[in-house]
Amino acid sequence: VWCCVVVIGPFNPLKLGKTEEELADLKVKEIKNGRLAMFSMLGFYIQAAATGEGPLQNLIDHRADAANENIFKYVFTSQEPVL
């Protein structure tokens, strides 16, 4: 059995945007937040490709020896191309 749902107005079940302007502003902020998250994931992928380890292991290594475990170790001392 098919049911029909009649939608009146924009989908906003939590009533976050009180006005249309506020709702449009929240939509733009959500899109920008998603783009920033995608860009940060790109950084995780590049870091894993350059170091051969995951981001948590790199953080642990950096916290243990910050002077030697940083980006300069992989950029200037690598025998093979980083990327």
C-alpha atoms as a PDB file:
ATOM      1  CA  VAL A   1       0.000   0.000   0.000  1.00  0.00           C
ATOM      2  CA  TRP A   2       1.414   3.348  -1.033  1.00  0.00           C
ATOM      3  CA  CYS A   3       0.948   6.335   1.215  1.00  0.00           C
ATOM      4  CA  CYS A   4       1.246   9.922   0.164  1.00  0.00           C
ATOM      5  CA  VAL A   5       2.823  12.582   2.340  1.00  0.00           C
ATOM      6  CA  VAL A   6       1.908  16.173   1.690  1.00  0.00           C
ATOM      7  CA  VAL A   7       4.798  18.498   2.395  1.00  0.00           C
ATOM      8  CA  ILE A   8       3.957  22.093   3.058  1.00  0.00           C
ATOM      9  CA  GLY A   9       7.034  24.318   3.137  1.00  0.00           C
ATOM     10  CA  PRO A  10      10.707  23.370   3.466  1.00  0.00           C
ATOM     11  CA  PHE A  11      11.802  20.222   5.309  1.00  0.00           C
ATOM     12  CA  ASN A  12      12.869  21.466   8.748  1.00  0.00           C
ATOM     13  CA  PRO A  13      11.833  18.959  11.444  1.00  0.00           C
ATOM     14  CA  LEU A  14      14.003  20.485  14.199  1.00  0.00           C
ATOM     15  CA  LYS A  15      12.847  24.041  13.494  1.00  0.00           C
ATOM     16  CA  LEU A  16      16.432  25.297  13.381  1.00  0.00           C
ATOM     17  CA  GLY A  17      15.837  28.232  11.066  1.00  0.00           C
ATOM     18  CA  LYS A  18      13.082  30.470  12.375  1.00  0.00           C
ATOM     19  CA  THR A  19      12.900  32.478   9.154  1.00  0.00           C
ATOM     20  CA  GLU A  20      13.673  31.682   5.516  1.00  0.00           C
ATOM     21  CA  GLU A  21      16.815  33.849   5.663  1.00  0.00           C
ATOM     22  CA  GLU A  22      18.088  32.048   8.747  1.00  0.00           C
ATOM     23  CA  LEU A  23      17.384  28.647   7.185  1.00  0.00           C
ATOM     24  CA  ALA A  24      19.225  29.644   3.984  1.00  0.00           C
ATOM     25  CA  ASP A  25      22.181  30.848   6.068  1.00  0.00           C
ATOM     26  CA  LEU A  26      22.289  27.534   7.944  1.00  0.00           C
ATOM     27  CA  LYS A  27      22.261  25.625   4.646  1.00  0.00           C
ATOM     28  CA  VAL A  28      25.261  27.616   3.390  1.00  0.00           C
ATOM     29  CA  LYS A  29      27.109  26.992   6.660  1.00  0.00           C
ATOM     30  CA  GLU A  30      26.424  23.262   6.376  1.00  0.00           C
ATOM     31  CA  ILE A  31      27.796  23.158   2.822  1.00  0.00           C
ATOM     32  CA  LYS A  32      30.944  25.035   3.894  1.00  0.00           C
ATOM     33  CA  ASN A  33      31.394  22.664   6.831  1.00  0.00           C
ATOM     34  CA  GLY A  34      31.131  19.666   4.495  1.00  0.00           C
ATOM     35  CA  ARG A  35      33.727  21.116   2.135  1.00  0.00           C
ATOM     36  CA  LEU A  36      36.111  21.736   5.026  1.00  0.00           C
ATOM     37  CA  ALA A  37      35.646  18.135   6.194  1.00  0.00           C
ATOM     38  CA  MET A  38      36.407  16.802   2.709  1.00  0.00           C
ATOM     39  CA  PHE A  39      39.548  18.951   2.530  1.00  0.00           C
ATOM     40  CA  SER A  40      40.747  17.662   5.909  1.00  0.00           C
ATOM     41  CA  MET A  41      40.214  14.055   4.786  1.00  0.00           C
ATOM     42  CA  LEU A  42      42.401  14.808   1.768  1.00  0.00           C
ATOM     43  CA  GLY A  43      45.103  15.856   4.231  1.00  0.00           C
ATOM     44  CA  PHE A  44      44.743  12.520   6.056  1.00  0.00           C
ATOM     45  CA  TYR A  45      45.137  10.614   2.768  1.00  0.00           C
ATOM     46  CA  ILE A  46      48.210  12.582   1.733  1.00  0.00           C
ATOM     47  CA  GLN A  47      49.738  12.142   5.186  1.00  0.00           C
ATOM     48  CA  ALA A  48      49.198   8.384   5.065  1.00  0.00           C
ATOM     49  CA  ALA A  49      50.686   8.184   1.568  1.00  0.00           C
ATOM     50  CA  ALA A  50      53.759  10.199   2.579  1.00  0.00           C
ATOM     51  CA  THR A  51      54.500   8.481   5.892  1.00  0.00           C
ATOM     52  CA  GLY A  52      53.042   5.022   5.405  1.00  0.00           C
ATOM     53  CA  GLU A  53      51.250   5.284   8.758  1.00  0.00           C
ATOM     54  CA  GLY A  54      47.893   6.497   9.934  1.00  0.00           C
ATOM     55  CA  PRO A  55      47.171   9.909  11.450  1.00  0.00           C
ATOM     56  CA  LEU A  56      46.944   8.642  15.038  1.00  0.00           C
ATOM     57  CA  GLN A  57      50.331   6.927  14.883  1.00  0.00           C
ATOM     58  CA  ASN A  58      51.827  10.061  13.357  1.00  0.00           C
ATOM     59  CA  LEU A  59      50.359  12.136  16.182  1.00  0.00           C
ATOM     60  CA  ILE A  60      51.778   9.763  18.804  1.00  0.00           C
ATOM     61  CA  ASP A  61      55.210   9.894  17.159  1.00  0.00           C
ATOM     62  CA  HIS A  62      55.111  13.683  16.902  1.00  0.00           C
ATOM     63  CA  ARG A  63      54.097  14.082  20.557  1.00  0.00           C
ATOM     64  CA  ALA A  64      56.979  11.826  21.610  1.00  0.00           C
ATOM     65  CA  ASP A  65      59.624  13.695  19.534  1.00  0.00           C
ATOM     66  CA  ALA A  66      58.265  16.915  18.033  1.00  0.00           C
ATOM     67  CA  ALA A  67      61.644  18.222  16.869  1.00  0.00           C
ATOM     68  CA  ASN A  68      62.330  15.228  14.622  1.00  0.00           C
ATOM     69  CA  GLU A  69      58.902  13.788  13.765  1.00  0.00           C
ATOM     70  CA  ASN A  70      57.405  16.469  11.546  1.00  0.00           C
ATOM     71  CA  ILE A  71      56.802  17.207   7.877  1.00  0.00           C
ATOM     72  CA  PHE A  72      60.413  18.243   7.255  1.00  0.00           C
ATOM     73  CA  LYS A  73      61.596  14.716   8.030  1.00  0.00           C
ATOM     74  CA  TYR A  74      59.593  13.343   5.105  1.00  0.00           C
ATOM     75  CA  VAL A  75      60.071  16.205   2.663  1.00  0.00           C
ATOM     76  CA  PHE A  76      63.811  16.738   2.886  1.00  0.00           C
ATOM     77  CA  THR A  77      65.160  13.300   3.850  1.00  0.00           C
ATOM     78  CA  SER A  78      63.091  10.940   1.712  1.00  0.00           C
ATOM     79  CA  GLN A  79      65.019   8.764  -0.747  1.00  0.00           C
ATOM     80  CA  GLU A  80      61.965   8.314  -2.955  1.00  0.00           C
ATOM     81  CA  PRO A  81      59.388  10.875  -4.070  1.00  0.00           C
ATOM     82  CA  VAL A  82      56.895  11.775  -1.358  1.00  0.00           C
ATOM     83  CA  LEU A  83      53.882  11.851  -3.671  1.00  0.00           C
END
